[in-house]
């Protein structure tokens, strides 16, 4: 009897590439933000930025962007073609979300390796949508003339900057919650490296 993997190889590879790429994107993005802040009296610590100066920040941001976009496309194509999204992220209903939130705040939220609860499902769907927003708003800022239709769709250059900032903030919040959940259920970390075993499922 062969055990199914809790996390397939494409999920694990894209997960870790995404993790390290996002660190570079966020830290270089903070440097770009500091050069022209959106909010008075708020900037990110310079030591937390990547690139040392604005030109370096932009250079790193654009270089890492290609890895992140390629990785994201690979994940999306595989997710749709393999049925991963439909199988693991759906269905999710308001009732199931409310039920799992109540379980979470009372520390009774169950976790089975290889199975996503409603909170995880809505978080993963949400961060995927934020990723799409980041790509669209980022492109509209990078090429506002060549992609003027996209910049207009985003509400203009200035609005796109706000969308990009809040999208980044949402992704950072997702990472913080994600890391917290791993700390609370540490057995999930080795499974994301080795693939682990899907609880409750076996193949003959």
Protein backbone atom coordinates (compact mmCIF):
# COMPACT_ATOMS: atom_id res chain seq x y z
CA UNK A 1 0.00 0.00 0.00
CA UNK A 2 1.50 3.33 -1.11
CA UNK A 3 0.83 6.52 0.82
CA UNK A 4 -0.10 9.65 -1.08
CA UNK A 5 2.10 12.68 -0.59
CA UNK A 6 0.56 15.48 1.45
CA UNK A 7 2.20 17.99 -0.91
CA UNK A 8 3.19 17.19 -4.47
CA UNK A 9 6.62 18.11 -5.85
CA UNK A 10 5.32 21.07 -7.97
CA UNK A 11 3.59 22.54 -4.90
CA UNK A 12 6.73 22.20 -2.78
CA UNK A 13 9.08 23.63 -5.42
CA UNK A 14 6.90 26.62 -6.27
CA UNK A 15 6.21 27.23 -2.57
CA UNK A 16 9.89 27.60 -1.67
CA UNK A 17 10.83 29.57 -4.80
CA UNK A 18 7.91 31.88 -4.02
CA UNK A 19 8.97 32.24 -0.37
CA UNK A 20 12.51 33.38 -1.13
CA UNK A 21 11.50 35.46 -4.16
CA UNK A 22 8.87 37.30 -2.12
CA UNK A 23 11.48 38.23 0.51
CA UNK A 24 13.54 39.86 -2.24
CA UNK A 25 10.54 41.53 -3.88
CA UNK A 26 9.20 42.96 -0.62
CA UNK A 27 12.57 44.18 0.69
CA UNK A 28 13.55 45.81 -2.63
CA UNK A 29 10.03 47.26 -2.89
CA UNK A 30 10.42 48.84 0.53
CA UNK A 31 13.50 50.66 -0.76
CA UNK A 32 11.57 51.95 -3.76
CA UNK A 33 8.75 53.09 -1.48
CA UNK A 34 11.20 54.95 0.80
CA UNK A 35 12.37 57.05 -2.16
CA UNK A 36 8.85 58.47 -2.56
CA UNK A 37 6.65 57.54 0.44
CA UNK A 38 2.89 57.40 0.11
CA UNK A 39 2.31 58.30 3.75
CA UNK A 40 3.87 61.13 5.73
CA UNK A 41 6.23 60.14 8.54
CA UNK A 42 6.24 56.48 7.52
CA UNK A 43 9.09 54.63 5.90
CA UNK A 44 10.67 51.22 6.19
CA UNK A 45 13.98 50.65 8.01
CA UNK A 46 16.76 51.09 5.47
CA UNK A 47 18.55 47.98 6.78
CA UNK A 48 15.47 45.93 5.83
CA UNK A 49 15.67 47.00 2.17
CA UNK A 50 17.50 45.28 -0.69
CA UNK A 51 19.61 47.31 -3.09
CA UNK A 52 21.14 50.06 -0.88
CA UNK A 53 19.98 52.89 -3.19
CA UNK A 54 17.00 53.55 -5.49
CA UNK A 55 18.71 52.26 -8.64
CA UNK A 56 19.76 49.12 -6.82
CA UNK A 57 16.28 48.66 -5.34
CA UNK A 58 14.68 48.89 -8.80
CA UNK A 59 17.30 46.59 -10.34
CA UNK A 60 16.71 43.87 -7.75
CA UNK A 61 12.94 44.32 -7.93
CA UNK A 62 12.81 43.86 -11.70
CA UNK A 63 15.30 40.96 -11.70
CA UNK A 64 13.46 38.97 -9.04
CA UNK A 65 10.13 39.81 -10.67
CA UNK A 66 10.87 37.49 -13.61
CA UNK A 67 11.56 34.53 -11.32
CA UNK A 68 8.40 35.25 -9.37
CA UNK A 69 6.23 35.62 -12.48
CA UNK A 70 7.63 32.42 -14.05
CA UNK A 71 7.12 30.57 -10.78
CA UNK A 72 3.58 31.89 -10.44
CA UNK A 73 2.65 30.92 -13.99
CA UNK A 74 4.05 27.43 -13.45
CA UNK A 75 1.98 27.06 -10.29
CA UNK A 76 -1.20 28.38 -11.92
CA UNK A 77 -0.85 26.15 -14.99
CA UNK A 78 -0.12 23.09 -12.89
CA UNK A 79 -2.86 23.96 -10.39
CA UNK A 80 -5.55 24.15 -13.06
CA UNK A 81 -4.32 21.23 -15.19
CA UNK A 82 -3.82 18.84 -12.27
CA UNK A 83 -7.09 19.76 -10.55
CA UNK A 84 -5.16 20.98 -7.48
CA UNK A 85 -7.22 24.16 -7.14
CA UNK A 86 -10.59 22.46 -7.54
CA UNK A 87 -9.63 19.50 -5.36
CA UNK A 88 -7.87 21.31 -2.51
CA UNK A 89 -9.29 24.85 -2.45
CA UNK A 90 -12.95 24.11 -3.14
CA UNK A 91 -15.60 24.06 -1.92
CA UNK A 92 -15.39 26.86 0.61
CA UNK A 93 -18.53 28.45 2.03
CA UNK A 94 -19.27 31.29 4.48
CA UNK A 95 -20.67 28.69 6.91
CA UNK A 96 -17.49 26.60 6.82
CA UNK A 97 -15.33 29.71 7.27
CA UNK A 98 -17.33 30.86 10.31
CA UNK A 99 -17.23 27.37 11.78
CA UNK A 100 -13.45 27.11 11.42
CA UNK A 101 -12.90 30.63 12.79
CA UNK A 102 -14.83 29.60 15.93
CA UNK A 103 -12.70 26.47 16.16
CA UNK A 104 -9.50 28.48 15.68
CA UNK A 105 -10.21 31.04 18.42
CA UNK A 106 -10.98 28.21 20.86
CA UNK A 107 -7.85 26.27 19.79
CA UNK A 108 -9.94 23.37 18.46
CA UNK A 109 -9.22 23.76 14.76
CA UNK A 110 -8.32 20.31 13.42
CA UNK A 111 -5.44 19.80 11.01
CA UNK A 112 -4.89 16.81 8.77
CA UNK A 113 -1.76 16.73 6.66
CA UNK A 114 -2.63 17.20 2.99
CA UNK A 115 -6.11 18.58 3.71
CA UNK A 116 -6.93 22.31 3.89
CA UNK A 117 -9.46 23.67 6.36
CA UNK A 118 -11.75 26.55 5.36
CA UNK A 119 -9.44 29.21 6.82
CA UNK A 120 -6.50 27.89 4.83
CA UNK A 121 -8.60 27.70 1.67
CA UNK A 122 -9.78 31.30 1.87
CA UNK A 123 -6.26 32.49 2.74
CA UNK A 124 -4.71 30.73 -0.26
CA UNK A 125 -7.44 31.95 -2.62
CA UNK A 126 -7.02 35.46 -1.21
CA UNK A 127 -3.24 35.54 -1.61
CA UNK A 128 -3.54 34.27 -5.20
CA UNK A 129 -5.90 37.15 -5.98
CA UNK A 130 -3.51 39.57 -4.28
CA UNK A 131 -0.74 38.17 -6.46
CA UNK A 132 -2.76 38.98 -9.58
CA UNK A 133 -3.38 42.51 -8.25
CA UNK A 134 0.34 42.96 -7.60
CA UNK A 135 1.24 41.92 -11.14
CA UNK A 136 -1.36 44.19 -12.75
CA UNK A 137 -0.63 47.22 -10.58
CA UNK A 138 3.13 46.65 -10.89
CA UNK A 139 2.97 46.49 -14.68
CA UNK A 140 0.85 49.63 -14.83
CA UNK A 141 3.52 51.49 -12.83
CA UNK A 142 6.46 50.02 -14.73
CA UNK A 143 5.08 50.73 -18.21
CA UNK A 144 2.41 53.43 -17.75
CA UNK A 145 2.72 54.65 -21.35
CA UNK A 146 3.04 51.33 -23.19
CA UNK A 147 0.31 49.83 -21.00
CA UNK A 148 -1.81 52.96 -20.67
CA UNK A 149 -5.01 50.89 -20.85
CA UNK A 150 -3.87 48.90 -17.82
CA UNK A 151 -2.83 52.03 -15.94
CA UNK A 152 -6.28 53.46 -16.65
CA UNK A 153 -7.88 50.23 -15.42
CA UNK A 154 -5.89 50.54 -12.20
CA UNK A 155 -7.21 54.08 -11.71
CA UNK A 156 -4.05 55.85 -12.86
CA UNK A 157 -0.42 55.75 -11.76
CA UNK A 158 -0.98 57.18 -8.28
CA UNK A 159 -3.90 54.85 -7.51
CA UNK A 160 -1.86 51.89 -8.77
CA UNK A 161 0.85 52.77 -6.24
CA UNK A 162 -1.67 52.57 -3.40
CA UNK A 163 -3.08 49.29 -4.73
CA UNK A 164 0.45 47.90 -4.97
CA UNK A 165 1.27 49.00 -1.42
CA UNK A 166 -1.87 47.55 0.14
CA UNK A 167 -1.53 44.38 -1.94
CA UNK A 168 2.01 43.99 -0.59
CA UNK A 169 0.74 44.60 2.94
CA UNK A 170 -1.89 41.88 2.49
CA UNK A 171 0.73 39.40 1.29
CA UNK A 172 3.02 40.22 4.21
CA UNK A 173 0.08 39.71 6.59
CA UNK A 174 -0.60 36.35 4.92
CA UNK A 175 3.04 35.32 5.47
CA UNK A 176 2.91 36.35 9.14
CA UNK A 177 -0.29 34.36 9.73
CA UNK A 178 1.11 31.44 7.71
CA UNK A 179 4.31 31.34 9.79
CA UNK A 180 2.26 31.58 13.00
CA UNK A 181 0.16 28.60 11.92
CA UNK A 182 3.32 26.62 11.15
CA UNK A 183 4.61 27.42 14.64
CA UNK A 184 1.31 26.24 16.11
CA UNK A 185 1.36 23.04 14.00
CA UNK A 186 5.12 22.40 13.45
CA UNK A 187 4.59 19.02 11.77
CA UNK A 188 3.49 20.90 8.64
CA UNK A 189 7.03 22.18 7.96
CA UNK A 190 8.82 18.86 7.26
CA UNK A 191 5.91 17.81 5.02
CA UNK A 192 6.46 20.91 2.86
CA UNK A 193 10.09 19.80 2.39
CA UNK A 194 9.75 16.05 1.95
CA UNK A 195 6.15 15.84 0.75
CA UNK A 196 4.99 14.07 3.90
CA UNK A 197 2.07 11.68 4.03
CA UNK A 198 -1.52 12.62 3.29
CA UNK A 199 -3.51 11.62 6.34
CA UNK A 200 -6.54 9.45 5.68
CA UNK A 201 -5.61 8.64 2.07
CA UNK A 202 -3.70 5.67 0.66
CA UNK A 203 -3.27 4.12 -2.74
CA UNK A 204 -3.22 0.38 -3.24
